[in-house]
Amino acid sequence: MKFNVPDMTCGHCVATVTKAIKAVDAGAEVKTDLASKTVTVESAAPAAALSKAMDQVGYPNTSL
């Protein structure tokens, strides 16, 4: 799954988004690209649950 996270602008943002995803699925593989503001996740969790977790920590996003 790939998400666009336009408000992700720094290392702290990356850490917060990653932590939110890991709270849903501790085994998720998370790859972030700060330059393109995208997050790629390999997880068994539903995309909606991952998206909601990012929203709840202040990072609205859209699926790509």
Protein backbone atom coordinates (compact mmCIF):
# COMPACT_ATOMS: atom_id res chain seq x y z
CA MET A 1 0.00 0.00 0.00
CA LYS A 2 1.18 3.49 -0.74
CA PHE A 3 -0.02 6.71 0.85
CA ASN A 4 0.54 10.36 0.06
CA VAL A 5 1.15 12.28 3.30
CA PRO A 6 1.48 15.96 2.29
CA ASP A 7 2.08 17.26 5.84
CA MET A 8 5.12 14.99 6.38
CA THR A 9 8.03 17.43 6.23
CA CYS A 10 10.79 16.24 8.59
CA GLY A 11 12.34 13.33 10.44
CA HIS A 12 10.01 13.81 13.40
CA CYS A 13 7.04 13.52 11.04
CA VAL A 14 8.45 10.29 9.60
CA ALA A 15 8.93 8.85 13.10
CA THR A 16 5.38 9.79 14.15
CA VAL A 17 3.81 8.29 11.03
CA THR A 18 5.90 5.12 11.37
CA LYS A 19 4.96 4.76 15.05
CA ALA A 20 1.25 5.15 14.21
CA ILE A 21 1.46 2.43 11.56
CA LYS A 22 3.39 0.11 13.87
CA ALA A 23 0.69 0.60 16.53
CA VAL A 24 -1.77 -1.00 14.10
CA ASP A 25 0.62 -3.70 12.87
CA ALA A 26 3.87 -4.14 14.77
CA GLY A 27 5.24 -6.32 11.96
CA ALA A 28 4.55 -3.82 9.20
CA GLU A 29 7.40 -2.84 6.91
CA VAL A 30 7.33 0.94 6.51
CA LYS A 31 9.32 2.85 3.90
CA THR A 32 9.07 6.62 3.77
CA ASP A 33 10.18 9.03 1.08
CA LEU A 34 10.27 12.50 2.56
CA ALA A 35 11.05 14.16 -0.78
CA SER A 36 7.90 12.80 -2.42
CA LYS A 37 5.93 12.76 0.87
CA THR A 38 4.95 9.13 0.40
CA VAL A 39 4.78 6.16 2.73
CA THR A 40 4.85 2.60 1.41
CA VAL A 41 3.63 -0.07 3.81
CA GLU A 42 3.75 -3.85 3.59
CA SER A 43 1.18 -5.05 6.09
CA ALA A 44 -1.66 -7.51 6.57
CA ALA A 45 -3.70 -4.71 8.17
CA PRO A 46 -6.39 -3.04 6.06
CA ALA A 47 -5.35 0.17 4.31
CA ALA A 48 -8.24 2.00 5.98
CA ALA A 49 -6.91 1.12 9.44
CA LEU A 50 -3.42 2.38 8.57
CA SER A 51 -4.82 5.56 7.04
CA LYS A 52 -6.96 6.20 10.13
CA ALA A 53 -3.95 5.71 12.42
CA MET A 54 -2.00 8.37 10.49
CA ASP A 55 -5.02 10.71 10.55
CA GLN A 56 -5.33 10.30 14.32
CA VAL A 57 -1.76 11.50 14.91
CA GLY A 58 -2.26 14.56 12.71
CA TYR A 59 -1.16 13.36 9.29
CA PRO A 60 -4.06 13.33 6.84
CA ASN A 61 -3.29 11.13 3.84
CA THR A 62 -4.62 9.62 0.65
CA SER A 63 -4.06 6.20 -0.87
CA LEU A 64 -2.06 6.10 -4.08
